[in-house]
Amino acid sequence: MAMRGRTSHVRRFTIGAVALALTAVTACGGGDGDDGSNGAAASSCEPASGKVTLDYWSWVPGMQEAVDLWNSENPDIQVKLKTTPSGNAGTYQNLSNALKAGKAPDLGQIEYDSLASFRLKEGLRDISACPGVSEAGSEFVDWTWSQVEFGADGEDGVWAVPQDTGPMALFYRKDVYDKLGLKAPTTWEEYAEQARTVKKAGKYITHYSQTDPNWFTGLLWQNKATMFERDGDTWAVTVDRPESRKVADYWQELIDDKLVATDLQGFSPALYKAWNTGEVVTWISAAWGYSTIRDNAKATDGKWAVAPMPQWNAGEKQAGNWGGSTTAVLGKTEHPAEASKFALWLNTDPEALEILNREGGLYPAAAAGLELPALKQPVDFYGGQKVFDVFAEASANVDTGFTWGPTMTDTYRFLSDGTAGVIAGKTTLGDVLKDTGAQSADSLRKQSLEVTGG
């Protein structure tokens, strides 16, 4: 997200038709909620009469420190944290299983793009009637609050509290680049040329992971390759489109020419070792990625730098977005008032925001969080560079027309499964786009949505 001083840019960053996407989910109808929509209705949200213990699942590094701070100040509402894998690496499947078994936690970290999927599973609680929630919208950057309100102007409730965003840029080993006589690439063509230079030096320019389909989605996003479109009550599945094919063909060539490491999964010990040894020298990632490298490649302290994403056309300034999460109150919680109180505190309290930025690398969704001193200071690990200036510019250059589908967890699974075949040499990324489009269309039809394309 942009700095507070650039709020005009931030507030136009609405991710296009996301609100429409979530409204369409409501149109599915059914569910057990008292309001006739999927998820648990906010028919009441009365505080408990005694002490409460809440279970919370999150993958943010340093989250325990924030939870400990809360627990020290709130003896009657204690939070038990379970540290989990990142969403598509395991947490979402585990949450789905727990919901089916009636053993889900009170709160869970869920990315914006996956909220609708959990709504369809009746996995979220409408917390709009809980104390302080309806008034909290003004404390967050506009577009993030609109993503947790399903329906125009919040008429269909509030289903989570915004936490962070993920504008993307290029992390690169400046020491390696300097040694090879390279500068941060400005175009994807230049990046591919650098990949060949880096390979001759016995290194890989980056890795291509099977387990990060939302990373690939961020690359599509940069090229304005929206995966879904909506016209009234009808969904068009546009996963396989010329803009997407351009991105897929580019990366397929890098894979075919063995210019990227394909045996490394995201957020894995093997990848961290490759960063530490200099085997892999760049990572196209989100603002939160600065702490991922910092905490897992300590041997490279002071050797990294951050630059804008390479562009498809010289002179452009387009950026993608990867991730960005919410703190969601899950549908079967017995303590929605206490859960929503903790979720609001976690994502608005200055001390909590500072902890989550310092330890977890989160780029806050709260307006006050954009004033954190750390976001305006040089970062020692990155050679004293003010890295968040790069991400502030990136957030102002993300296409606002990108549309999430209402079953993104399915779409991501299709992408991930297909990518496994690409890595094995059995298919191509272009074919994966085609197959994912068809499978995603079937997924929407199973939810009784009107669908074209795919």
Protein backbone atom coordinates (compact mmCIF):
# COMPACT_ATOMS: atom_id res chain seq x y z
CA MET A 1 0.00 0.00 0.00
CA ALA A 2 1.03 3.59 -0.51
CA MET A 3 2.11 5.94 2.22
CA ARG A 4 -0.54 8.04 3.91
CA GLY A 5 0.60 11.04 1.92
CA ARG A 6 -0.43 9.20 -1.23
CA THR A 7 -3.91 8.30 -0.12
CA SER A 8 -5.39 9.56 -3.37
CA HIS A 9 -3.58 6.75 -5.16
CA VAL A 10 -4.38 4.18 -2.52
CA ARG A 11 -8.08 4.89 -2.59
CA ARG A 12 -8.36 4.24 -6.27
CA PHE A 13 -6.75 0.82 -5.71
CA THR A 14 -10.06 -1.00 -5.45
CA ILE A 15 -9.10 -4.17 -7.30
CA GLY A 16 -11.86 -3.44 -9.75
CA ALA A 17 -14.88 -5.66 -9.49
CA VAL A 18 -13.97 -7.49 -6.32
CA ALA A 19 -17.02 -6.10 -4.58
CA LEU A 20 -19.14 -7.29 -7.48
CA ALA A 21 -17.56 -10.71 -7.22
CA LEU A 22 -18.55 -11.02 -3.63
CA THR A 23 -22.03 -9.72 -4.33
CA ALA A 24 -22.46 -12.54 -6.84
CA VAL A 25 -21.67 -15.02 -4.12
CA THR A 26 -24.58 -13.64 -2.15
CA ALA A 27 -26.78 -14.20 -5.17
CA CYS A 28 -26.16 -17.93 -4.75
CA GLY A 29 -28.60 -17.82 -1.84
CA GLY A 30 -29.16 -20.67 0.54
CA GLY A 31 -27.08 -21.37 3.60
CA ASP A 32 -28.07 -21.48 7.22
CA GLY A 33 -27.78 -17.75 7.99
CA ASP A 34 -30.84 -15.96 9.30
CA ASP A 35 -30.54 -13.42 6.50
CA GLY A 36 -30.77 -16.06 3.78
CA SER A 37 -27.18 -15.61 2.65
CA ASN A 38 -24.28 -17.97 2.93
CA GLY A 39 -22.26 -17.80 6.13
CA ALA A 40 -23.43 -17.20 9.67
CA ALA A 41 -25.73 -14.22 10.09
CA ALA A 42 -25.12 -11.51 12.64
CA SER A 43 -28.52 -11.89 14.30
CA SER A 44 -26.82 -11.05 17.60
CA CYS A 45 -23.37 -10.40 18.90
CA GLU A 46 -23.58 -10.17 22.64
CA PRO A 47 -20.37 -10.22 24.73
CA ALA A 48 -19.82 -13.29 26.89
CA SER A 49 -20.55 -13.07 30.61
CA GLY A 50 -17.28 -14.68 31.71
CA LYS A 51 -13.74 -15.32 30.60
CA VAL A 52 -13.20 -16.42 27.01
CA THR A 53 -10.41 -18.24 25.19
CA LEU A 54 -10.20 -17.79 21.42
CA ASP A 55 -8.33 -20.02 18.95
CA TYR A 56 -6.60 -18.21 16.10
CA TRP A 57 -4.75 -19.65 13.09
CA SER A 58 -2.18 -17.48 11.30
CA TRP A 59 1.06 -17.84 9.35
CA VAL A 60 2.46 -14.34 9.99
CA PRO A 61 5.96 -14.40 11.52
CA GLY A 62 6.00 -12.64 14.88
CA MET A 63 2.25 -12.98 15.39
CA GLN A 64 2.86 -14.58 18.78
CA GLU A 65 4.43 -11.34 20.04
CA ALA A 66 1.29 -9.41 19.10
CA VAL A 67 -0.92 -12.05 20.69
CA ASP A 68 1.16 -11.95 23.87
CA LEU A 69 0.67 -8.19 24.02
CA TRP A 70 -3.09 -8.61 23.71
CA ASN A 71 -3.19 -11.35 26.32
CA SER A 72 -1.25 -9.22 28.80
CA GLU A 73 -3.80 -6.43 28.45
CA ASN A 74 -6.97 -8.53 28.22
CA PRO A 75 -7.04 -11.17 30.96
CA ASP A 76 -10.73 -11.97 30.29
CA ILE A 77 -10.22 -12.61 26.55
CA GLN A 78 -7.21 -14.82 25.95
CA VAL A 79 -6.05 -15.83 22.49
CA LYS A 80 -4.31 -19.11 21.68
CA LEU A 81 -2.30 -18.89 18.46
CA LYS A 82 -1.67 -21.82 16.14
CA THR A 83 1.06 -21.10 13.59
CA THR A 84 0.12 -22.61 10.24
CA PRO A 85 1.53 -22.84 6.68
CA SER A 86 0.62 -20.05 4.29
CA GLY A 87 -2.92 -20.23 2.92
CA ASN A 88 -2.61 -22.35 -0.21
CA ALA A 89 0.28 -24.30 1.30
CA GLY A 90 -2.03 -25.96 3.78
CA THR A 91 -4.00 -23.59 5.97
CA TYR A 92 -7.03 -23.28 3.70
CA GLN A 93 -7.41 -27.01 3.27
CA ASN A 94 -7.00 -27.51 7.01
CA LEU A 95 -9.58 -24.80 7.71
CA SER A 96 -12.00 -26.40 5.28
CA ASN A 97 -11.55 -29.78 6.94
CA ALA A 98 -11.98 -28.23 10.39
CA LEU A 99 -15.16 -26.48 9.32
CA LYS A 100 -16.64 -29.74 8.05
CA ALA A 101 -15.69 -31.48 11.30
CA GLY A 102 -17.05 -28.69 13.48
CA LYS A 103 -13.59 -28.04 14.92
CA ALA A 104 -12.67 -24.76 13.28
CA PRO A 105 -10.93 -22.00 15.28
CA ASP A 106 -12.68 -18.77 16.23
CA LEU A 107 -10.46 -16.71 13.94
CA GLY A 108 -8.34 -17.42 10.89
CA GLN A 109 -6.06 -15.55 8.54
CA ILE A 110 -7.66 -15.54 5.09
CA GLU A 111 -6.48 -13.64 2.04
CA TYR A 112 -8.86 -11.29 0.24
CA ASP A 113 -9.03 -13.53 -2.81
CA SER A 114 -10.20 -16.50 -0.74
CA LEU A 115 -12.86 -14.85 1.41
CA ALA A 116 -15.62 -15.60 -1.08
CA SER A 117 -14.67 -19.27 -1.21
CA PHE A 118 -15.05 -19.57 2.55
CA ARG A 119 -18.31 -17.65 2.41
CA LEU A 120 -19.65 -20.26 0.01
CA LYS A 121 -18.66 -22.92 2.53
CA GLU A 122 -20.62 -21.06 5.20
CA GLY A 123 -17.32 -20.67 6.96
CA LEU A 124 -17.47 -16.96 7.84
CA ARG A 125 -19.40 -15.01 10.46
CA ASP A 126 -21.10 -11.72 9.69
CA ILE A 127 -19.72 -9.47 12.44
CA SER A 128 -21.46 -6.24 11.39
CA ALA A 129 -23.60 -6.30 14.56
CA CYS A 130 -20.60 -6.78 16.85
CA PRO A 131 -19.51 -3.77 18.92
CA GLY A 132 -17.30 -1.34 17.04
CA VAL A 133 -17.28 -3.17 13.72
CA SER A 134 -19.65 -1.05 11.63
CA GLU A 135 -17.85 2.11 12.74
CA ALA A 136 -14.39 0.71 11.93
CA GLY A 137 -14.51 1.15 8.17
CA SER A 138 -13.07 4.65 8.31
CA GLU A 139 -9.96 3.31 10.03
CA PHE A 140 -8.92 1.32 6.95
CA VAL A 141 -7.89 2.23 3.44
CA ASP A 142 -11.15 2.28 1.49
CA TRP A 143 -10.54 -0.54 -0.95
CA THR A 144 -9.57 -3.01 1.77
CA TRP A 145 -12.76 -2.43 3.75
CA SER A 146 -14.86 -2.83 0.60
CA GLN A 147 -13.41 -6.31 0.18
CA VAL A 148 -14.67 -7.50 3.56
CA GLU A 149 -18.15 -6.04 2.98
CA PHE A 150 -20.06 -8.33 0.64
CA GLY A 151 -22.64 -6.21 -1.14
CA ALA A 152 -22.97 -2.54 -1.91
CA ASP A 153 -22.23 -0.24 1.02
CA GLY A 154 -21.96 -3.14 3.41
CA GLU A 155 -25.64 -4.03 3.05
CA ASP A 156 -24.73 -7.70 3.17
CA GLY A 157 -22.58 -7.55 6.29
CA VAL A 158 -18.94 -7.47 7.33
CA TRP A 159 -17.12 -10.78 7.20
CA ALA A 160 -13.53 -10.05 8.25
CA VAL A 161 -11.16 -7.26 9.28
CA PRO A 162 -8.50 -6.13 6.75
CA GLN A 163 -4.90 -6.82 7.74
CA ASP A 164 -2.38 -6.09 4.97
CA THR A 165 -1.79 -5.75 1.22
CA GLY A 166 0.79 -7.13 -1.24
CA PRO A 167 1.98 -4.77 -4.02
CA MET A 168 4.79 -6.49 -5.92
CA ALA A 169 8.34 -5.52 -6.86
CA LEU A 170 11.67 -7.19 -7.67
CA PHE A 171 14.06 -8.27 -4.90
CA TYR A 172 17.56 -8.81 -6.32
CA ARG A 173 21.07 -9.57 -5.07
CA LYS A 174 22.77 -6.27 -5.80
CA ASP A 175 26.21 -7.66 -4.97
CA VAL A 176 25.83 -10.40 -7.59
CA TYR A 177 24.39 -7.98 -10.11
CA ASP A 178 27.28 -5.56 -9.53
CA LYS A 179 29.82 -8.36 -9.98
CA LEU A 180 28.19 -9.41 -13.27
CA GLY A 181 27.89 -5.82 -14.48
CA LEU A 182 24.10 -5.89 -14.37
CA LYS A 183 21.56 -3.32 -13.27
CA ALA A 184 17.99 -3.85 -12.10
CA PRO A 185 16.02 -4.82 -15.24
CA THR A 186 13.38 -2.45 -16.50
CA THR A 187 11.68 -4.84 -18.95
CA TRP A 188 10.86 -8.55 -18.98
CA GLU A 189 12.95 -8.91 -22.13
CA GLU A 190 15.94 -7.56 -20.22
CA TYR A 191 15.17 -9.87 -17.31
CA ALA A 192 15.30 -12.90 -19.65
CA GLU A 193 18.63 -11.73 -21.03
CA GLN A 194 19.94 -11.40 -17.50
CA ALA A 195 18.73 -14.92 -16.75
CA ARG A 196 21.14 -16.22 -19.39
CA THR A 197 24.00 -14.17 -18.00
CA VAL A 198 23.27 -15.37 -14.48
CA LYS A 199 23.06 -19.00 -15.67
CA LYS A 200 26.51 -18.75 -17.24
CA ALA A 201 27.75 -17.67 -13.81
CA GLY A 202 26.38 -20.90 -12.35
CA LYS A 203 23.27 -19.38 -10.76
CA TYR A 204 19.55 -19.09 -11.38
CA ILE A 205 17.85 -15.74 -11.73
CA THR A 206 14.84 -17.02 -9.77
CA HIS A 207 12.78 -20.10 -8.95
CA TYR A 208 9.45 -21.23 -10.38
CA SER A 209 7.28 -22.77 -7.71
CA GLN A 210 4.41 -25.20 -8.11
CA THR A 211 2.94 -24.26 -4.73
CA ASP A 212 2.48 -20.51 -5.31
CA PRO A 213 -0.33 -20.15 -7.88
CA ASN A 214 -1.28 -16.78 -6.41
CA TRP A 215 2.25 -15.59 -7.25
CA PHE A 216 1.60 -16.46 -10.89
CA THR A 217 -1.75 -14.68 -10.59
CA GLY A 218 0.15 -11.57 -9.50
CA LEU A 219 2.17 -11.78 -12.72
CA LEU A 220 -1.04 -12.06 -14.74
CA TRP A 221 -2.45 -9.11 -12.81
CA GLN A 222 0.47 -6.92 -13.85
CA ASN A 223 -0.40 -7.56 -17.50
CA LYS A 224 -4.09 -6.73 -16.90
CA ALA A 225 -5.00 -10.36 -17.48
CA THR A 226 -8.05 -10.54 -15.27
CA MET A 227 -9.21 -14.14 -14.81
CA PHE A 228 -12.93 -13.48 -14.36
CA GLU A 229 -15.44 -10.93 -15.59
CA ARG A 230 -19.05 -10.36 -14.59
CA ASP A 231 -22.05 -9.02 -16.46
CA GLY A 232 -25.12 -8.88 -14.25
CA ASP A 233 -25.61 -12.37 -12.86
CA THR A 234 -23.40 -14.02 -15.47
CA TRP A 235 -19.74 -14.86 -14.95
CA ALA A 236 -17.23 -15.04 -17.79
CA VAL A 237 -14.16 -17.19 -17.08
CA THR A 238 -11.24 -15.50 -18.84
CA VAL A 239 -8.29 -17.39 -17.40
CA ASP A 240 -7.09 -18.31 -20.89
CA ARG A 241 -6.80 -15.00 -22.73
CA PRO A 242 -4.08 -13.33 -24.87
CA GLU A 243 -2.71 -11.27 -21.97
CA SER A 244 -2.39 -14.40 -19.85
CA ARG A 245 -0.85 -16.40 -22.68
CA LYS A 246 1.84 -13.76 -23.09
CA VAL A 247 2.87 -14.21 -19.46
CA ALA A 248 2.63 -18.01 -19.64
CA ASP A 249 4.66 -18.28 -22.85
CA TYR A 250 7.37 -16.06 -21.39
CA TRP A 251 7.84 -18.20 -18.29
CA GLN A 252 7.51 -21.42 -20.29
CA GLU A 253 10.52 -20.37 -22.33
CA LEU A 254 12.55 -19.71 -19.19
CA ILE A 255 11.55 -23.13 -17.87
CA ASP A 256 12.33 -24.89 -21.17
CA ASP A 257 15.74 -23.23 -21.35
CA LYS A 258 16.45 -24.22 -17.73
CA LEU A 259 17.03 -20.59 -16.75
CA VAL A 260 14.93 -20.81 -13.57
CA ALA A 261 15.17 -23.30 -10.74
CA THR A 262 12.18 -25.63 -10.93
CA ASP A 263 13.11 -27.92 -8.04
CA LEU A 264 12.53 -25.29 -5.35
CA GLN A 265 9.17 -24.67 -3.73
CA GLY A 266 8.21 -21.33 -2.24
CA PHE A 267 8.86 -20.75 1.46
CA SER A 268 10.94 -23.91 1.77
CA PRO A 269 14.28 -24.62 3.49
CA ALA A 270 15.75 -25.51 0.11
CA LEU A 271 14.81 -22.12 -1.31
CA TYR A 272 16.22 -20.32 1.71
CA LYS A 273 19.48 -22.21 1.30
CA ALA A 274 19.59 -21.18 -2.36
CA TRP A 275 19.19 -17.54 -1.33
CA ASN A 276 21.92 -17.84 1.31
CA THR A 277 24.39 -19.49 -1.05
CA GLY A 278 23.61 -17.19 -3.94
CA GLU A 279 22.26 -19.98 -6.15
CA VAL A 280 19.06 -17.94 -6.69
CA VAL A 281 19.54 -14.18 -7.04
CA THR A 282 16.10 -12.57 -7.51
CA TRP A 283 12.54 -12.95 -6.29
CA ILE A 284 9.50 -11.16 -7.69
CA SER A 285 7.42 -10.76 -4.56
CA ALA A 286 5.16 -8.56 -2.48
CA ALA A 287 5.92 -5.93 0.14
CA TRP A 288 5.74 -8.54 2.89
CA GLY A 289 8.51 -10.48 1.14
CA TYR A 290 11.12 -8.15 2.56
CA SER A 291 10.94 -9.94 5.91
CA THR A 292 10.83 -13.39 4.29
CA ILE A 293 14.26 -12.83 2.80
CA ARG A 294 15.55 -10.99 5.85
CA ASP A 295 14.56 -13.75 8.26
CA ASN A 296 15.57 -16.71 6.11
CA ALA A 297 18.67 -15.51 4.26
CA LYS A 298 20.61 -13.93 7.10
CA ALA A 299 23.95 -14.67 5.47
CA THR A 300 23.05 -12.14 2.77
CA ASP A 301 22.54 -9.17 5.09
CA GLY A 302 23.13 -5.92 3.20
CA LYS A 303 23.37 -7.60 -0.21
CA TRP A 304 19.79 -7.27 -1.49
CA ALA A 305 18.00 -4.34 -3.11
CA VAL A 306 14.45 -3.73 -4.35
CA ALA A 307 13.36 -2.37 -7.73
CA PRO A 308 10.03 -2.04 -9.57
CA MET A 309 8.75 -5.07 -11.45
CA PRO A 310 10.12 -5.42 -14.99
CA GLN A 311 7.66 -4.11 -17.58
CA TRP A 312 6.21 -5.68 -20.70
CA ASN A 313 6.68 -2.40 -22.54
CA ALA A 314 9.51 0.01 -21.83
CA GLY A 315 8.42 3.06 -19.90
CA GLU A 316 5.34 1.53 -18.31
CA LYS A 317 4.86 1.30 -14.55
CA GLN A 318 2.42 -1.56 -14.07
CA ALA A 319 2.61 -3.70 -10.92
CA GLY A 320 0.88 -6.82 -9.69
CA ASN A 321 -0.42 -7.66 -6.24
CA TRP A 322 0.29 -10.89 -4.37
CA GLY A 323 -1.66 -11.63 -1.25
CA GLY A 324 -2.92 -9.30 1.37
CA SER A 325 -4.89 -10.85 4.19
CA THR A 326 -7.73 -10.39 6.62
CA THR A 327 -8.45 -11.60 10.13
CA ALA A 328 -11.70 -13.47 9.64
CA VAL A 329 -14.18 -14.49 12.33
CA LEU A 330 -15.23 -18.01 11.44
CA GLY A 331 -18.83 -19.07 11.16
CA LYS A 332 -19.23 -21.43 14.09
CA THR A 333 -17.50 -19.37 16.77
CA GLU A 334 -19.41 -19.09 20.02
CA HIS A 335 -17.75 -15.76 20.79
CA PRO A 336 -18.13 -13.40 17.79
CA ALA A 337 -18.05 -10.26 19.96
CA GLU A 338 -14.74 -11.16 21.55
CA ALA A 339 -13.29 -12.47 18.29
CA SER A 340 -14.16 -9.29 16.40
CA LYS A 341 -12.79 -7.16 19.24
CA PHE A 342 -9.44 -8.93 18.97
CA ALA A 343 -9.45 -8.72 15.15
CA LEU A 344 -10.05 -4.96 15.24
CA TRP A 345 -7.35 -4.42 17.86
CA LEU A 346 -4.82 -6.58 16.01
CA ASN A 347 -5.17 -4.54 12.83
CA THR A 348 -5.55 -1.01 14.23
CA ASP A 349 -3.57 -0.81 17.48
CA PRO A 350 -0.29 1.10 16.85
CA GLU A 351 1.81 -1.33 18.90
CA ALA A 352 0.30 -4.36 17.17
CA LEU A 353 0.80 -2.80 13.74
CA GLU A 354 4.42 -2.04 14.57
CA ILE A 355 5.03 -5.64 15.67
CA LEU A 356 3.40 -7.13 12.58
CA ASN A 357 5.39 -4.87 10.28
CA ARG A 358 8.69 -5.37 12.11
CA GLU A 359 8.41 -9.12 12.64
CA GLY A 360 6.06 -10.22 9.89
CA GLY A 361 6.78 -7.68 7.18
CA LEU A 362 3.11 -6.78 6.80
CA TYR A 363 2.16 -3.70 4.85
CA PRO A 364 -0.82 -2.45 6.91
CA ALA A 365 -4.36 -2.07 5.62
CA ALA A 366 -5.16 0.36 8.46
CA ALA A 367 -4.80 4.00 7.47
CA ALA A 368 -2.85 4.70 10.66
CA GLY A 369 -0.47 1.87 9.81
CA LEU A 370 0.75 3.74 6.76
CA GLU A 371 2.26 6.28 9.14
CA LEU A 372 4.49 3.73 10.85
CA PRO A 373 7.99 5.20 11.20
CA ALA A 374 9.48 1.95 9.90
CA LEU A 375 7.82 2.48 6.51
CA LYS A 376 9.73 5.72 6.08
CA GLN A 377 13.15 4.58 7.24
CA PRO A 378 16.12 2.98 5.46
CA VAL A 379 16.29 -0.79 5.94
CA ASP A 380 19.72 -2.02 6.96
CA PHE A 381 19.27 -5.51 5.51
CA TYR A 382 18.69 -3.91 2.10
CA GLY A 383 21.84 -1.82 2.20
CA GLY A 384 20.09 1.15 3.76
CA GLN A 385 17.55 1.43 0.94
CA LYS A 386 14.11 2.86 1.73
CA VAL A 387 12.46 -0.21 0.25
CA PHE A 388 8.90 0.79 1.13
CA ASP A 389 9.17 3.76 -1.22
CA VAL A 390 9.30 1.19 -4.03
CA PHE A 391 6.22 -0.59 -2.74
CA ALA A 392 4.38 2.70 -2.28
CA GLU A 393 4.91 3.40 -5.97
CA ALA A 394 3.93 -0.16 -6.86
CA SER A 395 0.65 0.04 -4.97
CA ALA A 396 -0.27 3.14 -6.95
CA ASN A 397 0.30 1.25 -10.21
CA VAL A 398 -1.75 -1.90 -9.66
CA ASP A 399 -4.59 -2.42 -12.14
CA THR A 400 -7.86 -1.75 -10.32
CA GLY A 401 -9.89 -3.77 -12.82
CA PHE A 402 -8.65 -7.20 -11.74
CA THR A 403 -11.55 -9.44 -10.71
CA TRP A 404 -11.51 -12.37 -8.30
CA GLY A 405 -13.72 -15.32 -8.99
CA PRO A 406 -15.99 -16.60 -6.21
CA THR A 407 -14.18 -19.96 -6.06
CA MET A 408 -10.55 -18.85 -6.16
CA THR A 409 -9.32 -21.64 -3.91
CA ASP A 410 -10.47 -24.07 -6.60
CA THR A 411 -8.84 -22.03 -9.35
CA TYR A 412 -5.57 -21.92 -7.44
CA ARG A 413 -5.69 -25.68 -6.93
CA PHE A 414 -6.17 -26.21 -10.66
CA LEU A 415 -3.22 -23.92 -11.41
CA SER A 416 -1.02 -25.66 -8.86
CA ASP A 417 -1.87 -29.15 -10.09
CA GLY A 418 -1.26 -28.11 -13.68
CA THR A 419 2.07 -26.51 -12.82
CA ALA A 420 3.26 -29.82 -11.40
CA GLY A 421 2.85 -31.24 -14.91
CA VAL A 422 4.77 -28.31 -16.38
CA ILE A 423 7.69 -28.90 -14.04
CA ALA A 424 7.64 -32.59 -14.98
CA GLY A 425 7.74 -31.68 -18.67
CA LYS A 426 4.33 -33.22 -19.37
CA THR A 427 2.45 -30.06 -20.33
CA THR A 428 2.89 -26.32 -20.85
CA LEU A 429 1.74 -23.27 -18.95
CA GLY A 430 -0.42 -22.36 -21.92
CA ASP A 431 -2.26 -25.66 -21.67
CA VAL A 432 -2.56 -25.16 -17.91
CA LEU A 433 -4.35 -21.87 -18.51
CA LYS A 434 -6.78 -23.58 -20.87
CA ASP A 435 -7.45 -26.44 -18.46
CA THR A 436 -7.74 -24.13 -15.46
CA GLY A 437 -10.30 -22.01 -17.29
CA ALA A 438 -12.45 -25.04 -18.07
CA GLN A 439 -12.16 -26.43 -14.55
CA SER A 440 -12.93 -23.03 -12.99
CA ALA A 441 -16.05 -22.70 -15.12
CA ASP A 442 -17.22 -26.10 -13.91
CA SER A 443 -16.50 -25.03 -10.32
CA LEU A 444 -18.72 -21.96 -10.70
CA ARG A 445 -21.51 -24.01 -12.28
CA LYS A 446 -21.46 -26.32 -9.29
CA GLN A 447 -22.35 -23.26 -7.21
CA SER A 448 -25.36 -22.66 -9.47
CA LEU A 449 -23.83 -19.58 -11.02
CA GLU A 450 -24.42 -18.60 -14.66
CA VAL A 451 -21.15 -19.04 -16.51
CA THR A 452 -19.74 -18.37 -19.97
CA GLY A 453 -16.29 -19.26 -21.23
CA GLY A 454 -13.84 -21.66 -19.68
